[in-house]
Every structure is written in C-alpha cells, then in structure tokens.
Protein backbone atom coordinates (compact mmCIF):
# COMPACT_ATOMS: atom_id res chain seq x y z
CA MET A 1 63.83 -0.77 -32.40
CA SER A 2 60.37 0.75 -33.88
CA ARG A 3 57.99 1.83 -31.61
CA GLN A 4 54.26 1.58 -32.33
CA VAL A 5 51.74 4.41 -31.81
CA ALA A 6 48.76 3.56 -29.62
CA PRO A 7 45.67 4.27 -31.79
CA LEU A 8 43.35 7.24 -30.46
CA GLY A 9 40.21 6.23 -28.23
CA ARG A 10 36.88 7.11 -29.13
CA ARG A 11 36.09 9.87 -26.75
CA THR A 12 39.54 11.56 -27.83
CA THR A 13 38.70 11.48 -31.54
CA ALA A 14 35.25 12.90 -31.25
CA ALA A 15 36.71 15.52 -29.05
CA ILE A 16 39.32 16.86 -31.94
CA VAL A 17 36.38 16.43 -34.49
CA LEU A 18 34.26 18.80 -32.39
CA ILE A 19 36.90 21.21 -31.85
CA ILE A 20 37.69 21.08 -35.90
CA MET A 21 34.20 22.05 -36.33
CA THR A 22 33.91 24.81 -33.87
CA LEU A 23 36.82 26.54 -36.01
CA VAL A 24 35.02 26.51 -39.26
CA LEU A 25 31.41 27.15 -38.02
CA THR A 26 30.50 31.10 -37.98
CA SER A 27 28.24 32.90 -35.77
CA CYS A 28 24.73 35.03 -36.81
CA TRP A 29 27.12 37.92 -37.73
CA ASN A 30 24.17 40.15 -38.37
CA ARG A 31 21.58 39.20 -35.94
CA ARG A 32 19.13 41.84 -34.42
CA GLU A 33 17.08 41.41 -31.52
CA LEU A 34 13.35 41.85 -31.65
CA ASN A 35 13.24 44.77 -29.44
CA THR A 36 15.09 46.76 -31.99
CA LEU A 37 13.20 46.02 -35.04
CA GLY A 38 9.93 47.97 -36.25
CA ILE A 39 8.09 45.19 -37.92
CA ALA A 40 6.16 46.33 -41.18
CA LEU A 41 3.24 44.40 -41.74
CA ALA A 42 1.96 46.51 -44.81
CA LEU A 43 3.15 49.51 -46.68
CA GLY A 44 1.56 52.16 -48.61
CA ILE A 45 2.24 54.16 -51.50
CA ASP A 46 0.77 57.80 -52.07
CA SER A 47 1.69 60.40 -54.73
CA SER A 48 2.93 63.82 -53.84
CA PRO A 49 2.64 67.31 -55.83
CA ASP A 50 6.54 67.53 -56.14
CA GLY A 51 7.11 64.20 -57.72
CA THR A 52 8.59 62.54 -54.48
CA VAL A 53 6.49 59.44 -52.80
CA LYS A 54 4.50 59.41 -49.63
CA VAL A 55 5.58 56.01 -47.91
CA SER A 56 2.92 54.95 -45.18
CA ALA A 57 4.31 51.97 -42.82
CA GLN A 58 1.90 49.93 -40.51
CA ILE A 59 3.99 48.85 -37.94
CA ALA A 60 3.01 45.94 -35.25
CA ASN A 61 2.62 47.53 -31.71
CA VAL A 62 4.49 45.10 -30.16
CA SER A 63 3.56 46.53 -26.61
CA ALA A 64 -0.27 46.44 -27.43
CA ILE A 65 0.23 42.73 -28.75
CA ALA A 66 2.27 41.42 -25.67
CA ALA A 67 -0.75 42.89 -23.01
CA LYS A 68 -3.67 40.97 -22.24
CA ARG A 69 -6.33 40.25 -25.20
CA GLY A 70 -9.03 41.89 -22.99
CA ASN A 71 -7.16 45.18 -22.91
CA ARG A 72 -8.08 47.18 -26.07
CA THR A 73 -7.14 50.60 -24.86
CA ALA A 74 -4.06 50.41 -27.33
CA ALA A 75 -4.02 50.26 -30.95
CA PRO A 76 -2.68 46.93 -32.53
CA VAL A 77 -0.65 48.90 -34.93
CA ILE A 78 0.72 52.42 -35.81
CA VAL A 79 0.79 54.16 -38.88
CA ILE A 80 3.88 56.09 -40.05
CA GLN A 81 4.00 58.46 -43.19
CA LYS A 82 7.16 59.82 -44.48
CA THR A 83 7.85 61.71 -47.89
CA GLY A 84 11.13 60.75 -49.96
CA ARG A 85 12.76 60.57 -53.31
CA THR A 86 12.84 57.10 -53.01
CA LEU A 87 11.20 54.45 -50.96
CA VAL A 88 14.05 53.68 -49.14
CA GLU A 89 14.64 57.09 -48.36
CA ALA A 90 11.12 57.70 -46.96
CA LEU A 91 11.74 54.14 -44.68
CA ARG A 92 14.73 55.39 -43.32
CA LYS A 93 13.04 58.81 -42.48
CA MET A 94 10.93 57.01 -40.28
CA THR A 95 13.55 56.46 -37.66
CA THR A 96 13.26 59.98 -36.61
CA GLU A 97 9.93 59.24 -34.99
CA LEU A 98 10.07 55.39 -34.46
CA PRO A 99 12.86 54.44 -32.13
CA ARG A 100 13.45 51.17 -34.40
CA LYS A 101 14.46 50.29 -37.87
CA VAL A 102 11.65 49.41 -40.19
CA TYR A 103 11.86 45.65 -40.67
CA LEU A 104 10.30 44.28 -44.04
CA SER A 105 10.31 40.79 -44.06
CA HIS A 106 7.09 40.02 -42.43
CA MET A 107 5.14 42.27 -45.24
CA ARG A 108 1.71 40.90 -45.91
CA MET A 109 0.32 43.88 -48.02
CA LEU A 110 1.63 46.55 -50.40
CA VAL A 111 -1.13 49.23 -51.18
CA ILE A 112 -0.76 51.46 -53.87
CA SER A 113 -2.95 54.41 -54.65
CA GLU A 114 -4.66 54.63 -57.70
CA GLU A 115 -3.18 57.98 -58.85
CA VAL A 116 0.34 56.46 -58.22
CA ALA A 117 -0.84 53.35 -60.35
CA LYS A 118 -1.85 55.64 -63.28
CA GLN A 119 1.68 57.19 -62.99
CA GLY A 120 3.39 53.78 -63.50
CA ILE A 121 4.68 51.77 -60.46
CA SER A 122 7.82 50.28 -62.26
CA ARG A 123 9.92 52.09 -59.97
CA LEU A 124 8.17 50.99 -57.04
CA LEU A 125 9.04 47.12 -57.99
CA ASP A 126 12.53 47.63 -57.37
CA LEU A 127 11.88 47.51 -53.94
CA SER A 128 12.34 43.64 -54.11
CA ARG A 129 16.01 44.50 -54.58
CA ASP A 130 15.98 44.52 -50.76
CA HIS A 131 17.22 41.36 -49.32
CA GLU A 132 15.09 41.43 -46.57
CA MET A 133 12.03 41.87 -48.64
CA ARG A 134 10.24 38.58 -49.93
CA GLY A 135 7.95 38.32 -52.82
CA ASP A 136 5.08 36.77 -51.40
CA PHE A 137 2.86 39.73 -50.18
CA TYR A 138 -0.03 40.79 -52.12
CA LEU A 139 -0.16 44.15 -54.30
CA VAL A 140 -3.58 46.04 -54.16
CA ILE A 141 -4.84 49.28 -55.38
CA ALA A 142 -6.46 51.81 -53.12
CA LYS A 143 -9.52 52.97 -54.89
CA ASP A 144 -11.39 56.35 -54.49
CA THR A 145 -8.99 56.63 -51.39
CA THR A 146 -5.32 56.91 -50.31
CA ALA A 147 -3.33 53.90 -49.48
CA LYS A 148 -2.58 55.45 -45.99
CA HIS A 149 -6.28 55.58 -45.42
CA VAL A 150 -6.46 51.72 -46.20
CA LEU A 151 -3.80 50.90 -43.68
CA GLU A 152 -5.43 52.94 -40.81
CA ILE A 153 -8.61 51.00 -40.75
CA ILE A 154 -8.84 48.44 -37.72
CA SER A 155 -11.30 46.17 -38.30
CA PRO A 156 -13.49 44.16 -35.56
CA MET A 157 -12.81 40.56 -37.12
CA GLU A 158 -9.14 40.45 -37.29
CA PRO A 159 -7.31 43.34 -35.22
CA MET A 160 -4.26 43.31 -37.29
CA PRO A 161 -5.37 45.27 -40.43
CA ALA A 162 -2.55 43.90 -42.62
CA GLN A 163 -3.73 40.47 -41.85
CA ASN A 164 -7.19 41.12 -42.51
CA LEU A 165 -6.49 42.53 -45.74
CA TYR A 166 -4.43 39.37 -46.66
CA SER A 167 -6.76 36.77 -45.37
CA SER A 168 -9.83 38.40 -46.61
CA LEU A 169 -8.45 38.42 -50.41
CA GLU A 170 -7.19 34.74 -49.81
CA ILE A 171 -10.67 33.77 -48.99
CA SER A 172 -12.64 35.77 -51.38
CA GLU A 173 -10.50 34.80 -54.22
CA VAL A 174 -11.51 31.10 -53.24
CA SER A 175 -14.95 31.76 -53.00
CA TRP A 176 -15.78 34.63 -55.28
CA ALA A 177 -15.10 34.92 -58.99
CA PRO A 178 -14.53 38.50 -59.41
CA THR A 179 -11.60 38.92 -56.96
CA LYS A 180 -8.02 37.71 -57.79
CA GLY A 181 -4.80 38.02 -55.62
CA VAL A 182 -1.66 39.00 -57.10
CA LEU A 183 1.57 38.40 -55.42
CA MET A 184 4.59 40.79 -55.88
CA ASN A 185 6.88 38.24 -57.74
CA ASP A 186 3.66 37.18 -60.00
CA PHE A 187 2.87 41.02 -61.11
CA ILE A 188 6.65 41.50 -61.87
CA GLN A 189 6.67 38.44 -64.33
CA GLN A 190 3.63 39.66 -65.85
CA THR A 191 4.79 42.85 -66.39
CA LEU A 192 8.12 41.33 -68.03
CA LYS A 193 6.40 38.35 -69.77
CA PRO A 194 5.60 39.00 -73.45
CA GLY A 195 2.02 38.60 -74.49
CA ILE A 196 0.13 39.65 -71.34
CA ASN A 197 -0.81 42.46 -69.29
CA PRO A 198 -1.38 42.38 -65.32
CA VAL A 199 -4.54 43.09 -63.49
CA LEU A 200 -4.56 43.98 -59.59
CA PRO A 201 -7.67 43.88 -57.42
CA GLY A 202 -8.95 47.11 -55.98
CA VAL A 203 -9.94 47.98 -52.11
CA MET A 204 -12.15 50.62 -50.90
CA VAL A 205 -13.07 51.94 -47.58
CA THR A 206 -16.66 51.43 -46.92
CA HIS A 207 -18.56 53.37 -44.10
CA PRO A 208 -16.05 56.14 -43.33
CA ASP A 209 -15.89 57.56 -39.88
CA SER A 210 -13.93 59.51 -37.64
CA LYS A 211 -13.34 56.81 -35.37
CA GLU A 212 -12.03 54.09 -38.06
CA ASN A 213 -8.47 54.46 -37.08
CA SER A 214 -8.82 53.53 -33.43
CA VAL A 215 -9.89 50.65 -31.15
CA GLU A 216 -13.32 52.10 -31.07
CA ASN A 217 -14.02 50.93 -34.40
CA ILE A 218 -13.91 47.40 -32.96
CA ASN A 219 -16.63 47.66 -30.49
CA LYS A 220 -19.11 48.46 -32.91
CA SER A 221 -21.66 45.75 -33.81
CA SER A 222 -22.89 47.30 -37.37
CA ASP A 223 -22.01 50.14 -39.50
CA PHE A 224 -18.14 49.70 -38.74
CA THR A 225 -15.75 50.99 -41.17
CA MET A 226 -14.19 48.31 -43.48
CA ASN A 227 -11.89 47.66 -46.16
CA THR A 228 -13.83 46.00 -48.74
CA TYR A 229 -12.21 44.23 -52.31
CA THR A 230 -13.72 45.44 -55.26
CA THR A 231 -13.26 44.67 -59.14
CA LEU A 232 -9.90 44.37 -61.21
CA GLY A 233 -7.81 46.99 -62.18
CA VAL A 234 -6.71 46.54 -66.14
CA PHE A 235 -2.82 47.33 -66.53
CA ARG A 236 -0.85 48.27 -69.57
CA ASN A 237 2.73 47.24 -68.91
CA ASP A 238 3.24 49.04 -65.45
CA LYS A 239 0.34 51.60 -65.69
CA LEU A 240 -3.26 51.15 -64.28
CA ILE A 241 -5.71 52.45 -67.40
CA GLY A 242 -9.02 51.39 -66.05
CA TRP A 243 -11.45 48.93 -64.13
CA LEU A 244 -13.54 46.07 -65.05
CA ASN A 245 -16.94 45.88 -63.69
CA GLU A 246 -17.96 42.84 -61.79
CA SER A 247 -19.40 40.94 -64.40
CA ASP A 248 -16.40 41.43 -66.54
CA SER A 249 -13.89 40.57 -63.61
CA LYS A 250 -15.85 37.16 -63.20
CA GLY A 251 -15.44 36.90 -67.20
CA TYR A 252 -11.69 37.56 -66.81
CA ASN A 253 -11.08 34.89 -64.19
CA TYR A 254 -13.05 32.22 -66.18
CA ILE A 255 -10.83 33.07 -69.18
CA ARG A 256 -7.83 32.83 -67.40
CA GLY A 257 -8.79 29.80 -65.20
CA ASN A 258 -8.53 31.26 -62.00
CA VAL A 259 -12.04 30.63 -60.57
CA LYS A 260 -11.57 28.06 -57.97
CA SER A 261 -15.50 28.35 -56.75
CA SER A 262 -18.15 30.60 -56.55
CA ILE A 263 -22.00 31.29 -56.70
CA GLY A 264 -24.15 32.27 -60.02
CA VAL A 265 -27.52 33.31 -60.24
CA ILE A 266 -29.92 32.43 -63.07
CA PRO A 267 -33.47 33.39 -63.14
CA CYS A 268 -36.01 30.33 -63.49
CA SER A 269 -39.32 32.36 -63.31
CA LYS A 270 -40.77 35.93 -62.83
CA GLU A 271 -40.81 35.30 -59.28
CA GLY A 272 -37.34 33.41 -58.38
CA ASN A 273 -33.89 32.27 -59.10
CA ILE A 274 -31.83 29.31 -59.09
CA GLY A 275 -28.57 29.48 -57.46
CA ILE A 276 -25.67 27.67 -58.84
CA GLU A 277 -22.48 26.81 -57.08
CA ILE A 278 -19.29 26.43 -59.37
CA MET A 279 -17.13 23.37 -57.90
CA LYS A 280 -14.58 23.34 -60.65
CA SER A 281 -13.63 25.30 -63.55
CA SER A 282 -11.10 24.90 -66.09
CA SER A 283 -10.02 27.19 -69.17
CA HIS A 284 -8.08 26.37 -72.53
CA ILE A 285 -6.89 29.14 -74.88
CA LYS A 286 -4.93 28.42 -77.85
CA ALA A 287 -4.25 30.19 -81.11
CA LYS A 288 -4.51 28.87 -84.90
CA PHE A 289 -3.84 30.56 -88.09
CA GLU A 290 -6.64 31.18 -90.78
CA ASN A 291 -5.23 32.75 -93.88
CA ASN A 292 -2.37 33.45 -92.37
CA GLN A 293 -4.05 35.58 -89.41
CA PRO A 294 -4.20 34.39 -85.89
CA VAL A 295 -7.55 33.42 -84.52
CA ILE A 296 -7.78 32.84 -80.95
CA TYR A 297 -10.09 29.92 -79.56
CA GLY A 298 -10.86 29.66 -75.79
CA GLN A 299 -13.16 26.88 -74.01
CA VAL A 300 -14.19 27.34 -70.53
CA LYS A 301 -15.72 24.31 -68.60
CA LEU A 302 -17.40 24.27 -65.47
CA ASP A 303 -18.82 21.73 -63.14
CA VAL A 304 -21.62 22.73 -60.99
CA ASN A 305 -24.11 22.17 -58.20
CA ILE A 306 -27.46 23.74 -57.61
CA SER A 307 -27.08 25.67 -54.44
CA ASP A 308 -30.72 26.88 -53.93
CA VAL A 309 -33.92 27.02 -55.78
CA SER A 310 -36.70 29.67 -55.31
CA CYS A 311 -39.08 28.75 -58.15
CA ASN A 312 -41.20 25.66 -58.48
CA LYS A 313 -39.33 24.30 -61.58
CA ASP A 314 -38.89 20.32 -61.36
CA ILE A 315 -35.16 19.88 -60.87
CA THR A 316 -35.79 15.97 -60.96
CA ASN A 317 -36.85 16.29 -64.51
CA ILE A 318 -34.01 15.41 -66.92
CA GLU A 319 -35.18 17.18 -69.88
CA TYR A 320 -35.65 20.47 -67.58
CA MET A 321 -32.01 19.71 -66.30
CA LYS A 322 -30.44 19.70 -69.91
CA GLU A 323 -32.23 23.02 -70.70
CA LEU A 324 -30.67 24.52 -67.48
CA GLU A 325 -27.27 23.51 -68.40
CA MET A 326 -27.61 24.93 -72.25
CA GLU A 327 -29.02 28.13 -70.72
CA LEU A 328 -26.14 28.40 -68.10
CA GLU A 329 -23.52 28.11 -70.93
CA GLN A 330 -25.39 30.63 -72.78
CA SER A 331 -25.28 32.90 -70.05
CA LEU A 332 -21.52 32.24 -69.61
CA LEU A 333 -20.79 32.74 -73.09
CA VAL A 334 -22.20 36.18 -73.16
CA MET A 335 -20.33 37.04 -70.10
CA LEU A 336 -17.02 35.97 -71.64
CA LYS A 337 -17.65 37.55 -74.86
CA ASN A 338 -18.57 41.04 -73.37
CA VAL A 339 -15.36 41.12 -71.40
CA VAL A 340 -13.30 40.24 -74.16
CA SER A 341 -14.94 42.84 -76.56
CA HIS A 342 -15.09 45.60 -73.71
CA VAL A 343 -10.95 44.99 -73.03
CA GLN A 344 -10.27 44.69 -76.77
CA GLN A 345 -11.93 48.14 -78.00
CA LYS A 346 -11.84 50.29 -74.50
CA TYR A 347 -8.56 49.50 -73.06
CA LYS A 348 -6.55 47.60 -75.81
CA SER A 349 -4.74 45.66 -73.24
CA ASP A 350 -4.09 42.09 -73.64
CA ILE A 351 -4.80 40.72 -70.01
CA PHE A 352 -6.15 37.54 -71.17
CA GLY A 353 -2.78 36.10 -72.68
CA PHE A 354 -3.52 35.81 -76.07
CA GLY A 355 -0.18 36.90 -77.15
CA GLU A 356 1.38 34.27 -75.12
CA ALA A 357 -0.98 31.62 -77.26
CA ILE A 358 0.05 33.24 -80.32
CA HIS A 359 3.91 32.76 -79.09
CA ARG A 360 3.43 29.27 -78.26
CA SER A 361 1.76 28.47 -81.36
CA ASN A 362 4.01 30.34 -83.85
CA PRO A 363 7.14 31.98 -82.33
CA LYS A 364 8.27 33.31 -85.49
CA TYR A 365 5.17 35.18 -86.11
CA TRP A 366 5.00 36.55 -82.44
CA LYS A 367 8.63 37.75 -83.07
CA LYS A 368 7.73 39.94 -86.02
CA ILE A 369 4.32 41.28 -84.49
CA ARG A 370 5.41 41.75 -80.96
CA SER A 371 6.06 45.34 -81.13
CA GLN A 372 2.66 46.04 -82.80
CA TRP A 373 0.52 43.70 -80.76
CA VAL A 374 -1.04 46.70 -78.81
CA ASP A 375 -2.50 47.83 -82.18
CA ILE A 376 -3.02 44.31 -83.23
CA PHE A 377 -4.69 43.04 -79.98
CA PRO A 378 -8.10 44.73 -80.76
CA THR A 379 -8.49 43.20 -83.93
CA VAL A 380 -7.93 39.58 -83.37
CA PRO A 381 -11.09 37.22 -83.66
CA VAL A 382 -11.92 35.52 -80.38
CA LYS A 383 -13.96 32.33 -80.68
CA LEU A 384 -15.48 31.07 -77.25
CA THR A 385 -17.28 28.04 -76.27
CA THR A 386 -18.68 27.04 -73.02
CA ARG A 387 -19.47 23.58 -71.52
CA ILE A 388 -21.43 23.15 -67.97
CA GLN A 389 -22.35 20.06 -66.32
CA ILE A 390 -24.57 19.90 -63.35
CA HIS A 391 -23.44 17.33 -61.14
CA GLN A 392 -25.28 17.36 -57.84
CA THR A 393 -28.89 19.11 -56.70
CA GLY A 394 -28.27 18.93 -52.65
CA THR A 395 -29.74 16.76 -50.15
CA GLN A 396 -33.45 17.30 -51.48
CA SER A 397 -34.69 15.63 -54.79
CA ASN A 398 -36.94 18.62 -55.41
CA THR A 399 -37.91 21.95 -54.00
CA TYR A 400 -40.28 22.85 -51.28
CA MET A 401 -42.15 25.23 -53.93
CA ASN A 402 -42.43 22.46 -56.39
CA TYR A 403 -43.87 20.10 -53.34
CA GLN A 404 -46.07 22.76 -52.20
CA SER A 405 -47.52 23.51 -55.79
CA LYS A 406 -48.35 19.72 -56.23
CA GLU A 407 -50.08 19.67 -52.96
CA MET A 408 -52.10 22.74 -54.01
CA ARG A 409 -53.51 21.05 -57.32
CA PRO A 410 -56.94 19.84 -57.34
C-alpha cells in the first residue's frame, strides 16, 4: 500500500529557502572600521633632488570635524609629507607618523608641482592601478609654488581645503571661460588618444602669510591666503611645456566647446564698455583635403545676452545691434586665431584635437602621418569662422546713460 507524502507548509518552505540563502551569502571579508582609516582628501606630488618623489597627503582630522562647529582651535585637516621611490611607498611610510593607513577612495584633488609636470607625469598616472582609487578627482598644477603648500591652505569659505579646491574649480569652469577642470580618467584618455594633447589648470597661492596653514587664516575678513586658479598648462604627451595666457585659455575653451557660460567685455565708446554674457556656445571642427593636404575648418557659435552697459549707446536700435554682433564676432575671431597661432608656432602641441578631425576624415592618411604629426601640426592651415547672436538686453529696454543723454538734449 503506497503512502503519500504530505506537502510542506508555507512556513517550512520559507525557512528552508532562508537557510539555503545564508549558506551561499558571504560577509564583507575586507571591511575596515572608520576609526582605522586616514581618509585622504587630496594628494600633492613634489620633486626631490635624488629622483624620488615627495608625496603630501591631506588627511581629514576626524576629531576636529566631530567637534562643535564653533570650536575652531583644531585644524580640519592635517598634511603629512613623505619621500619614496614610488607613490605607494611614500604613502606607506606615512604610517610611521599617522596611526592609520591612508585611504584614497574619497580623494578630490591631485596637485602636481610645476617641476614634476615638466619632467613628465606618466609614472604618477599608474596610481590609478590601486583598487581603492577612483578616477573622478581633478588634476591641477601648482604654479610658482609647491604642491604641499597648496594643500596646506585653510580657506575661510570652506574649511576643508580639498573641497574648496574642488568646488572652486567646478564653479569657475561653468562661469568663467579661461578655466577647465580635468578629471584623472579624462587626462589619461587624452594622453593615450591619437591626435590630441591634454591641458591642465594651474593653481597659485595668493597673499602668502605665515598663518595660512592655521585656523587663524579663517578668522580674517580680508587679505587672507587663498588658492586661486590661473590659466591652462599645455602638455605634449605627459610633459608640461608651457602656459597659455588668459585670452588664449578662453580661445582654447571656445574652440574645444568647453564654455558653458562666461562674461565678455567690448568697448562701446572712449568712456564705457558693454558686458556680454555667454549663455550658450558650440564648436564644430572638421578636416577637409585640398590639393591632397589637410585643412582644418572650425566654427564657433555663441548665443549671448547683454549684461551691462556703461555708455550711452541705444541698444533698442536694430541696426546698432547688428553692428554690435559683427564687432563681437570679429573680436572673438581674433582671439581664436591668436591662440591657434601661438600654440602652433610656440608649443607645437595639438591641444585642439585637429589630428582627431583628420583621423575621422581620412583614417588612412592619418595612419601614414601620425608619427610625424608634431612636425606637420604647425604647418596645417586653420580656417575659423564665428557667429554670435544677441538674444536679450535685460530687464531695461535701454540704458540709464542713454535716457539721461536724451533728457539733457535741448
């Protein structure tokens, strides 16, 4: 006589499933407690006479952060510097002073001294091999100062120096045309990509003071020490070869299509100027072949608004506005031509990506001339055009000075 097996109940089935799941699940085998880590917010790289590297780590001072906000007797960060044959060796040496291992996953900035950048930074890029390090932090060059000095500045607006550097670069990139933030991952890609060389922003220390690395710098209302972003550094492969000035940095960003918003100023009389707010910009670069030789064509388009007027020009006059657009186009064109000429003749480094355009247009030709591009680049003709359209003049239909001049007429 056969016997039937009773079906399992719902509760019994659920219990068996949970038991099986617990057998296959693993715990976090490499977890580390927060109080065992020295959280690095930024790293600085300086050179050493014997060929080794000096590595500075800006470490969050957890005890100061946890204290009351009104208590500013303790610095929010500490900066430790060690020398090593490699970056990792220098970082491990820091444990002789720091009772915690340096943890890199929360890095915001990598500051490289100008001297190191000129020697070449390819060996530093291998730092990304570390599984704890992400590539979403900014690279900047310490100009006319050391990387360690940049990391020591405690600013009044943002007590965490690395966050101050990071946020300032992000904001200025959106609002001011000469600056450009470059992430670690993007820099690596540009050094490996054919037909383009990278740039990096520079940072300087303004108003140096003996109290710049203490909380006393925070308590000043003026003349405090600050990190200030400057112009862009030009690279050939992984080596810094020079700096653009402010106008050329703007021109570079317009050609590359990096400008999100900015302010331009153009004279409108002997006494005054018109401020122009860039609302939108676009750039298109392409290569054509004429007589079997490459020619670069580029067009930059801007949509702008009038931000302020300090002369008595009638901005309600359609004819004058058309003249103003043409004047703006010519001014921008001169800026673009100047930066292309300067870079082609002085640096011979294709930071604009003209080689990329040739590669897209004719891969076979690019394959033949790729190894000679550094010599060919300065001789390539570049034909640029600009187009600017004024959309709005603000909340006033005309300027106060124009109204005043009309009222004073007999």
